[in-house]
C-alpha atoms as a PDB file:
ATOM      1  CA  UNK A   1    -109.661 -73.917  32.767  1.00  0.00           C
ATOM      2  CA  UNK A   2    -108.224 -71.292  35.368  1.00  0.00           C
ATOM      3  CA  UNK A   3    -104.601 -72.351  37.415  1.00  0.00           C
ATOM      4  CA  UNK A   4    -106.127 -72.678  40.917  1.00  0.00           C
ATOM      5  CA  UNK A   5    -104.103 -70.148  41.926  1.00  0.00           C
ATOM      6  CA  UNK A   6    -106.258 -67.194  39.578  1.00  0.00           C
ATOM      7  CA  UNK A   7    -106.135 -64.314  41.267  1.00  0.00           C
ATOM      8  CA  UNK A   8    -109.935 -64.168  41.719  1.00  0.00           C
ATOM      9  CA  UNK A   9    -110.065 -67.900  43.606  1.00  0.00           C
ATOM     10  CA  UNK A  10    -106.867 -66.273  46.598  1.00  0.00           C
ATOM     11  CA  UNK A  11    -108.670 -65.031  49.158  1.00  0.00           C
ATOM     12  CA  UNK A  12    -107.257 -64.126  52.921  1.00  0.00           C
ATOM     13  CA  UNK A  13    -105.524 -61.069  54.383  1.00  0.00           C
ATOM     14  CA  UNK A  14    -103.065 -59.739  52.175  1.00  0.00           C
ATOM     15  CA  UNK A  15    -105.241 -60.676  48.669  1.00  0.00           C
ATOM     16  CA  UNK A  16    -108.037 -58.364  50.812  1.00  0.00           C
ATOM     17  CA  UNK A  17    -105.602 -55.633  52.729  1.00  0.00           C
ATOM     18  CA  UNK A  18    -102.684 -56.091  50.692  1.00  0.00           C
ATOM     19  CA  UNK A  19    -103.835 -53.273  47.749  1.00  0.00           C
ATOM     20  CA  UNK A  20    -104.842 -50.510  50.500  1.00  0.00           C
ATOM     21  CA  UNK A  21    -102.062 -51.311  52.324  1.00  0.00           C
ATOM     22  CA  UNK A  22     -99.286 -50.818  49.370  1.00  0.00           C
ATOM     23  CA  UNK A  23    -101.525 -47.681  48.140  1.00  0.00           C
ATOM     24  CA  UNK A  24    -101.781 -45.938  51.770  1.00  0.00           C
ATOM     25  CA  UNK A  25     -97.548 -47.180  52.013  1.00  0.00           C
ATOM     26  CA  UNK A  26     -97.065 -45.435  48.552  1.00  0.00           C
ATOM     27  CA  UNK A  27     -99.010 -42.249  47.703  1.00  0.00           C
ATOM     28  CA  UNK A  28     -97.423 -40.878  50.714  1.00  0.00           C
ATOM     29  CA  UNK A  29     -94.637 -39.925  48.546  1.00  0.00           C
ATOM     30  CA  UNK A  30     -96.292 -38.280  46.106  1.00  0.00           C
ATOM     31  CA  UNK A  31     -98.969 -36.150  48.647  1.00  0.00           C
ATOM     32  CA  UNK A  32     -95.763 -35.700  50.548  1.00  0.00           C
ATOM     33  CA  UNK A  33     -93.587 -34.336  47.605  1.00  0.00           C
ATOM     34  CA  UNK A  34     -96.622 -32.338  46.388  1.00  0.00           C
ATOM     35  CA  UNK A  35     -96.137 -30.764  49.488  1.00  0.00           C
ATOM     36  CA  UNK A  36     -92.991 -30.011  49.817  1.00  0.00           C
ATOM     37  CA  UNK A  37     -92.758 -28.047  46.854  1.00  0.00           C
ATOM     38  CA  UNK A  38     -96.075 -25.654  48.206  1.00  0.00           C
ATOM     39  CA  UNK A  39     -93.600 -25.672  51.206  1.00  0.00           C
ATOM     40  CA  UNK A  40     -90.717 -24.286  48.931  1.00  0.00           C
ATOM     41  CA  UNK A  41     -92.669 -22.088  46.927  1.00  0.00           C
ATOM     42  CA  UNK A  42     -94.049 -20.228  49.784  1.00  0.00           C
ATOM     43  CA  UNK A  43     -91.501 -17.535  50.211  1.00  0.00           C
ATOM     44  CA  UNK A  44     -88.117 -18.923  49.607  1.00  0.00           C
ATOM     45  CA  UNK A  45     -85.525 -18.488  47.330  1.00  0.00           C
ATOM     46  CA  UNK A  46     -86.865 -20.606  45.049  1.00  0.00           C
ATOM     47  CA  UNK A  47     -89.817 -18.624  44.739  1.00  0.00           C
ATOM     48  CA  UNK A  48     -88.377 -15.824  43.801  1.00  0.00           C
ATOM     49  CA  UNK A  49     -86.197 -17.119  41.253  1.00  0.00           C
ATOM     50  CA  UNK A  50     -88.980 -19.810  39.507  1.00  0.00           C
ATOM     51  CA  UNK A  51     -90.866 -16.391  39.674  1.00  0.00           C
ATOM     52  CA  UNK A  52     -88.201 -15.123  36.850  1.00  0.00           C
ATOM     53  CA  UNK A  53     -89.151 -17.838  34.735  1.00  0.00           C
ATOM     54  CA  UNK A  54     -92.586 -18.691  33.695  1.00  0.00           C
ATOM     55  CA  UNK A  55     -92.208 -21.665  32.070  1.00  0.00           C
ATOM     56  CA  UNK A  56     -90.505 -23.245  35.167  1.00  0.00           C
ATOM     57  CA  UNK A  57     -93.562 -21.749  37.655  1.00  0.00           C
ATOM     58  CA  UNK A  58     -96.377 -23.090  34.670  1.00  0.00           C
ATOM     59  CA  UNK A  59     -94.385 -26.551  35.240  1.00  0.00           C
ATOM     60  CA  UNK A  60     -93.513 -26.550  39.016  1.00  0.00           C
ATOM     61  CA  UNK A  61     -97.717 -25.927  40.023  1.00  0.00           C
ATOM     62  CA  UNK A  62     -98.350 -28.998  36.603  1.00  0.00           C
ATOM     63  CA  UNK A  63     -96.410 -30.917  38.913  1.00  0.00           C
ATOM     64  CA  UNK A  64     -97.717 -30.011  42.450  1.00  0.00           C
ATOM     65  CA  UNK A  65    -101.158 -30.997  40.814  1.00  0.00           C
ATOM     66  CA  UNK A  66    -100.306 -34.504  39.382  1.00  0.00           C
ATOM     67  CA  UNK A  67     -98.129 -35.365  42.442  1.00  0.00           C
ATOM     68  CA  UNK A  68    -101.371 -33.897  44.579  1.00  0.00           C
ATOM     69  CA  UNK A  69    -104.575 -35.267  42.973  1.00  0.00           C
ATOM     70  CA  UNK A  70    -102.561 -38.608  41.954  1.00  0.00           C
ATOM     71  CA  UNK A  71    -101.443 -39.893  45.136  1.00  0.00           C
ATOM     72  CA  UNK A  72    -105.375 -38.677  46.310  1.00  0.00           C
ATOM     73  CA  UNK A  73    -106.330 -40.941  43.700  1.00  0.00           C
ATOM     74  CA  UNK A  74    -104.542 -43.622  44.485  1.00  0.00           C
ATOM     75  CA  UNK A  75    -105.025 -43.903  48.636  1.00  0.00           C
ATOM     76  CA  UNK A  76    -109.451 -43.508  47.577  1.00  0.00           C
ATOM     77  CA  UNK A  77    -108.389 -46.184  44.589  1.00  0.00           C
ATOM     78  CA  UNK A  78    -110.862 -44.017  42.675  1.00  0.00           C
ATOM     79  CA  UNK A  79    -109.525 -44.344  38.955  1.00  0.00           C
ATOM     80  CA  UNK A  80    -106.428 -45.616  40.168  1.00  0.00           C
ATOM     81  CA  UNK A  81    -105.319 -47.193  37.046  1.00  0.00           C
ATOM     82  CA  UNK A  82    -105.740 -44.380  34.669  1.00  0.00           C
ATOM     83  CA  UNK A  83    -104.312 -42.466  38.121  1.00  0.00           C
ATOM     84  CA  UNK A  84    -101.021 -44.510  37.643  1.00  0.00           C
ATOM     85  CA  UNK A  85    -100.750 -44.370  34.485  1.00  0.00           C
ATOM     86  CA  UNK A  86    -100.660 -40.779  34.187  1.00  0.00           C
ATOM     87  CA  UNK A  87     -98.001 -41.558  36.546  1.00  0.00           C
ATOM     88  CA  UNK A  88     -95.941 -43.320  34.947  1.00  0.00           C
ATOM     89  CA  UNK A  89     -95.825 -40.981  31.729  1.00  0.00           C
ATOM     90  CA  UNK A  90     -95.476 -38.135  33.820  1.00  0.00           C
ATOM     91  CA  UNK A  91     -91.885 -40.027  35.776  1.00  0.00           C
ATOM     92  CA  UNK A  92     -90.768 -41.207  32.562  1.00  0.00           C
ATOM     93  CA  UNK A  93     -90.303 -37.718  31.625  1.00  0.00           C
ATOM     94  CA  UNK A  94     -88.497 -35.746  34.841  1.00  0.00           C
ATOM     95  CA  UNK A  95     -86.490 -39.450  35.067  1.00  0.00           C
ATOM     96  CA  UNK A  96     -85.410 -38.864  31.694  1.00  0.00           C
ATOM     97  CA  UNK A  97     -84.660 -35.133  32.558  1.00  0.00           C
ATOM     98  CA  UNK A  98     -82.195 -35.640  34.828  1.00  0.00           C
ATOM     99  CA  UNK A  99     -80.535 -38.943  32.785  1.00  0.00           C
ATOM    100  CA  UNK A 100     -78.186 -35.312  31.164  1.00  0.00           C
ATOM    101  CA  UNK A 101     -77.437 -34.290  35.029  1.00  0.00           C
ATOM    102  CA  UNK A 102     -75.370 -37.514  36.174  1.00  0.00           C
ATOM    103  CA  UNK A 103     -72.195 -35.986  35.460  1.00  0.00           C
ATOM    104  CA  UNK A 104     -72.768 -33.095  37.526  1.00  0.00           C
ATOM    105  CA  UNK A 105     -70.003 -31.405  38.906  1.00  0.00           C
ATOM    106  CA  UNK A 106     -69.224 -31.867  43.091  1.00  0.00           C
ATOM    107  CA  UNK A 107     -70.995 -34.583  43.446  1.00  0.00           C
ATOM    108  CA  UNK A 108     -74.294 -33.750  42.531  1.00  0.00           C
ATOM    109  CA  UNK A 109     -74.430 -36.286  39.894  1.00  0.00           C
ATOM    110  CA  UNK A 110     -74.872 -39.333  43.192  1.00  0.00           C
ATOM    111  CA  UNK A 111     -78.292 -37.495  44.036  1.00  0.00           C
ATOM    112  CA  UNK A 112     -79.488 -37.468  40.419  1.00  0.00           C
ATOM    113  CA  UNK A 113     -78.725 -40.769  40.533  1.00  0.00           C
ATOM    114  CA  UNK A 114     -80.897 -41.539  43.523  1.00  0.00           C
ATOM    115  CA  UNK A 115     -83.435 -40.270  42.165  1.00  0.00           C
ATOM    116  CA  UNK A 116     -83.459 -42.151  39.261  1.00  0.00           C
ATOM    117  CA  UNK A 117     -83.302 -45.022  40.756  1.00  0.00           C
ATOM    118  CA  UNK A 118     -86.112 -43.337  43.191  1.00  0.00           C
ATOM    119  CA  UNK A 119     -88.312 -42.871  39.854  1.00  0.00           C
ATOM    120  CA  UNK A 120     -87.904 -46.618  38.638  1.00  0.00           C
ATOM    121  CA  UNK A 121     -89.316 -47.913  41.795  1.00  0.00           C
ATOM    122  CA  UNK A 122     -92.145 -45.425  41.136  1.00  0.00           C
ATOM    123  CA  UNK A 123     -92.274 -46.666  37.927  1.00  0.00           C
ATOM    124  CA  UNK A 124     -92.277 -50.223  38.804  1.00  0.00           C
ATOM    125  CA  UNK A 125     -95.253 -49.393  41.176  1.00  0.00           C
ATOM    126  CA  UNK A 126     -97.389 -47.677  39.368  1.00  0.00           C
ATOM    127  CA  UNK A 127     -97.016 -49.904  36.957  1.00  0.00           C
ATOM    128  CA  UNK A 128     -98.213 -52.881  39.023  1.00  0.00           C
ATOM    129  CA  UNK A 129    -101.438 -50.299  39.618  1.00  0.00           C
ATOM    130  CA  UNK A 130    -102.093 -49.309  36.212  1.00  0.00           C
ATOM    131  CA  UNK A 131    -102.135 -53.343  35.492  1.00  0.00           C
ATOM    132  CA  UNK A 132    -104.179 -55.125  38.225  1.00  0.00           C
ATOM    133  CA  UNK A 133    -106.242 -51.795  39.783  1.00  0.00           C
ATOM    134  CA  UNK A 134    -106.415 -50.508  42.738  1.00  0.00           C
ATOM    135  CA  UNK A 135    -107.802 -53.712  44.606  1.00  0.00           C
ATOM    136  CA  UNK A 136    -110.778 -54.551  46.415  1.00  0.00           C
ATOM    137  CA  UNK A 137    -111.142 -52.322  48.847  1.00  0.00           C
ATOM    138  CA  UNK A 138    -110.813 -49.268  46.769  1.00  0.00           C
ATOM    139  CA  UNK A 139    -113.483 -47.051  45.142  1.00  0.00           C
ATOM    140  CA  UNK A 140    -112.788 -48.338  41.881  1.00  0.00           C
ATOM    141  CA  UNK A 141    -114.477 -51.551  43.420  1.00  0.00           C
ATOM    142  CA  UNK A 142    -116.715 -50.146  44.691  1.00  0.00           C
ATOM    143  CA  UNK A 143    -117.640 -48.450  41.673  1.00  0.00           C
ATOM    144  CA  UNK A 144    -117.921 -51.944  39.889  1.00  0.00           C
ATOM    145  CA  UNK A 145    -120.070 -53.491  42.646  1.00  0.00           C
ATOM    146  CA  UNK A 146    -122.704 -51.083  41.894  1.00  0.00           C
ATOM    147  CA  UNK A 147    -122.978 -51.166  38.062  1.00  0.00           C
ATOM    148  CA  UNK A 148    -123.392 -54.995  38.709  1.00  0.00           C
ATOM    149  CA  UNK A 149    -119.513 -55.889  36.919  1.00  0.00           C
ATOM    150  CA  UNK A 150    -117.791 -57.455  39.765  1.00  0.00           C
END
């Protein structure tokens, strides 16, 4: 027997619209960071510096792609569990690269601590999406209803 508060039995505004609102609030950070990276590539000193290192250039393009496409998938609720899982792996990798920078001189270490804490919060939210899915107002839910699984 399922508990009385099982997710399938809950109704109301929060259970219906909460996941959509959460996705809409969550995804702009990903899409925004991708947009900032694209702007940084356009005619900046960073663009010139990055072009000297082809591996860094490729990594930056992959990062932009992951953040933008992942953010868009979350907004739409399209394959949200997959997108969240890929983003978790991505942020775990990025965050692990930042940890050695905590001891950076000139107070830069604290900036890295802030970024690490932010990434850990993002990972937590992404894990919730990966486990619970995009919710009832999403392309995933629409696809499940069309397939007769919901």
